[in-house]
Amino acid sequence: MSVWPRSIRCSRLSAEDRAPECDGQKSRKVVRSKIIMCTCKLEGDLKQSIESVMDLQNDKQQLEEKLTKKDFEINQITTKIEDEQALTIQLQKKIKE
């Protein structure tokens, strides 16, 4: 199995398949250099895409951690509010007595 994505393999194969059709050694060299340039560009694009995906995954993980922390804080505050409400009800009952 090739490590190259399908689009890169197809680009490389189609350009290499056309090389024998060219007339003369010079035109083959031109085609070969174009193939190499395209391959290098595609490899660079692939590397940048992989880095972007990794950055986005890291950002997602950080946001998920922040969300978990905020959920915990909200639960703590909700519990504190419920405790204060219960205490308020008890004090109101004592005042009425």
C-alpha atoms as a PDB file:
ATOM      1  CA  MET A   1       0.000   0.000   0.000  1.00  0.00           C
ATOM      2  CA  SER A   2       1.331   3.401  -0.964  1.00  0.00           C
ATOM      3  CA  VAL A   3       1.700   6.149   1.630  1.00  0.00           C
ATOM      4  CA  TRP A   4       0.685   8.788  -0.912  1.00  0.00           C
ATOM      5  CA  PRO A   5      -2.919   9.900  -1.141  1.00  0.00           C
ATOM      6  CA  ARG A   6      -4.776   8.815  -4.248  1.00  0.00           C
ATOM      7  CA  SER A   7      -4.701  12.269  -5.857  1.00  0.00           C
ATOM      8  CA  ILE A   8      -0.900  12.473  -5.606  1.00  0.00           C
ATOM      9  CA  ARG A   9      -0.445   8.956  -6.977  1.00  0.00           C
ATOM     10  CA  CYS A  10      -2.818   9.695  -9.862  1.00  0.00           C
ATOM     11  CA  SER A  11      -1.050  12.968 -10.687  1.00  0.00           C
ATOM     12  CA  ARG A  12       2.314  11.281 -10.629  1.00  0.00           C
ATOM     13  CA  LEU A  13       1.168   8.313 -12.727  1.00  0.00           C
ATOM     14  CA  SER A  14      -0.664  10.348 -15.338  1.00  0.00           C
ATOM     15  CA  ALA A  15       2.307  12.673 -15.822  1.00  0.00           C
ATOM     16  CA  GLU A  16       4.748   9.762 -15.977  1.00  0.00           C
ATOM     17  CA  ASP A  17       2.510   7.954 -18.460  1.00  0.00           C
ATOM     18  CA  ARG A  18       2.684  10.972 -20.762  1.00  0.00           C
ATOM     19  CA  ALA A  19       6.491  11.180 -20.635  1.00  0.00           C
ATOM     20  CA  PRO A  20       7.155   8.454 -23.255  1.00  0.00           C
ATOM     21  CA  GLU A  21       4.798  10.174 -25.703  1.00  0.00           C
ATOM     22  CA  CYS A  22       7.014  13.295 -25.821  1.00  0.00           C
ATOM     23  CA  ASP A  23       9.482  13.718 -28.658  1.00  0.00           C
ATOM     24  CA  GLY A  24      13.133  13.819 -27.763  1.00  0.00           C
ATOM     25  CA  GLN A  25      15.240  13.685 -24.658  1.00  0.00           C
ATOM     26  CA  LYS A  26      14.826  17.392 -23.884  1.00  0.00           C
ATOM     27  CA  SER A  27      11.044  17.270 -23.674  1.00  0.00           C
ATOM     28  CA  ARG A  28      11.237  14.208 -21.433  1.00  0.00           C
ATOM     29  CA  LYS A  29      13.527  16.132 -19.087  1.00  0.00           C
ATOM     30  CA  VAL A  30      11.065  19.015 -19.046  1.00  0.00           C
ATOM     31  CA  VAL A  31       8.189  16.682 -18.248  1.00  0.00           C
ATOM     32  CA  ARG A  32      10.234  14.917 -15.586  1.00  0.00           C
ATOM     33  CA  SER A  33      11.195  18.237 -13.956  1.00  0.00           C
ATOM     34  CA  LYS A  34       7.528  19.303 -14.003  1.00  0.00           C
ATOM     35  CA  ILE A  35       6.607  16.010 -12.370  1.00  0.00           C
ATOM     36  CA  ILE A  36       9.216  16.557  -9.677  1.00  0.00           C
ATOM     37  CA  MET A  37       8.055  20.145  -9.087  1.00  0.00           C
ATOM     38  CA  CYS A  38       4.410  19.084  -8.855  1.00  0.00           C
ATOM     39  CA  THR A  39       5.305  16.219  -6.546  1.00  0.00           C
ATOM     40  CA  CYS A  40       7.272  18.542  -4.268  1.00  0.00           C
ATOM     41  CA  LYS A  41       4.406  21.028  -4.209  1.00  0.00           C
ATOM     42  CA  LEU A  42       1.874  18.312  -3.419  1.00  0.00           C
ATOM     43  CA  GLU A  43       4.100  16.910  -0.677  1.00  0.00           C
ATOM     44  CA  GLY A  44       4.401  20.401   0.821  1.00  0.00           C
ATOM     45  CA  ASP A  45       0.644  20.889   0.633  1.00  0.00           C
ATOM     46  CA  LEU A  46       0.107  17.510   2.273  1.00  0.00           C
ATOM     47  CA  LYS A  47       2.530  18.374   5.076  1.00  0.00           C
ATOM     48  CA  GLN A  48       0.763  21.699   5.685  1.00  0.00           C
ATOM     49  CA  SER A  49      -2.622  19.986   5.688  1.00  0.00           C
ATOM     50  CA  ILE A  50      -1.445  17.401   8.208  1.00  0.00           C
ATOM     51  CA  GLU A  51      -0.033  20.155  10.440  1.00  0.00           C
ATOM     52  CA  SER A  52      -3.309  22.087  10.191  1.00  0.00           C
ATOM     53  CA  VAL A  53      -5.298  19.008  11.177  1.00  0.00           C
ATOM     54  CA  MET A  54      -2.995  18.403  14.141  1.00  0.00           C
ATOM     55  CA  ASP A  55      -3.344  22.045  15.248  1.00  0.00           C
ATOM     56  CA  LEU A  56      -7.120  21.812  14.982  1.00  0.00           C
ATOM     57  CA  GLN A  57      -7.151  18.581  16.989  1.00  0.00           C
ATOM     58  CA  ASN A  58      -5.070  20.253  19.717  1.00  0.00           C
ATOM     59  CA  ASP A  59      -7.418  23.258  19.736  1.00  0.00           C
ATOM     60  CA  LYS A  60     -10.413  20.925  19.983  1.00  0.00           C
ATOM     61  CA  GLN A  61      -8.871  19.072  22.915  1.00  0.00           C
ATOM     62  CA  GLN A  62      -8.125  22.333  24.738  1.00  0.00           C
ATOM     63  CA  LEU A  63     -11.674  23.563  24.179  1.00  0.00           C
ATOM     64  CA  GLU A  64     -13.106  20.267  25.419  1.00  0.00           C
ATOM     65  CA  GLU A  65     -10.984  20.567  28.576  1.00  0.00           C
ATOM     66  CA  LYS A  66     -12.207  24.139  29.130  1.00  0.00           C
ATOM     67  CA  LEU A  67     -15.792  23.012  28.596  1.00  0.00           C
ATOM     68  CA  THR A  68     -15.392  20.207  31.137  1.00  0.00           C
ATOM     69  CA  LYS A  69     -13.917  22.664  33.650  1.00  0.00           C
ATOM     70  CA  LYS A  70     -16.759  25.145  33.096  1.00  0.00           C
ATOM     71  CA  ASP A  71     -19.364  22.376  33.476  1.00  0.00           C
ATOM     72  CA  PHE A  72     -17.784  21.435  36.801  1.00  0.00           C
ATOM     73  CA  GLU A  73     -17.832  25.075  37.936  1.00  0.00           C
ATOM     74  CA  ILE A  74     -21.490  25.435  36.908  1.00  0.00           C
ATOM     75  CA  ASN A  75     -22.400  22.306  38.889  1.00  0.00           C
ATOM     76  CA  GLN A  76     -20.596  23.670  41.947  1.00  0.00           C
ATOM     77  CA  ILE A  77     -22.378  27.019  41.691  1.00  0.00           C
ATOM     78  CA  THR A  78     -25.745  25.311  41.161  1.00  0.00           C
ATOM     79  CA  THR A  79     -25.200  23.197  44.265  1.00  0.00           C
ATOM     80  CA  LYS A  80     -24.247  26.298  46.255  1.00  0.00           C
ATOM     81  CA  ILE A  81     -27.385  28.128  45.063  1.00  0.00           C
ATOM     82  CA  GLU A  82     -29.576  25.163  46.017  1.00  0.00           C
ATOM     83  CA  ASP A  83     -27.967  25.069  49.472  1.00  0.00           C
ATOM     84  CA  GLU A  84     -28.538  28.809  49.920  1.00  0.00           C
ATOM     85  CA  GLN A  85     -32.168  28.460  48.814  1.00  0.00           C
ATOM     86  CA  ALA A  86     -32.732  25.639  51.290  1.00  0.00           C
ATOM     87  CA  LEU A  87     -31.162  27.718  54.055  1.00  0.00           C
ATOM     88  CA  THR A  88     -33.343  30.697  53.102  1.00  0.00           C
ATOM     89  CA  ILE A  89     -36.483  28.552  53.321  1.00  0.00           C
ATOM     90  CA  GLN A  90     -35.443  27.274  56.771  1.00  0.00           C
ATOM     91  CA  LEU A  91     -34.773  30.799  58.016  1.00  0.00           C
ATOM     92  CA  GLN A  92     -38.111  32.038  56.660  1.00  0.00           C
ATOM     93  CA  LYS A  93     -39.880  29.222  58.543  1.00  0.00           C
ATOM     94  CA  LYS A  94     -38.076  30.191  61.758  1.00  0.00           C
ATOM     95  CA  ILE A  95     -39.032  33.828  61.276  1.00  0.00           C
ATOM     96  CA  LYS A  96     -42.711  32.855  60.873  1.00  0.00           C
ATOM     97  CA  GLU A  97     -42.618  30.840  64.099  1.00  0.00           C
END
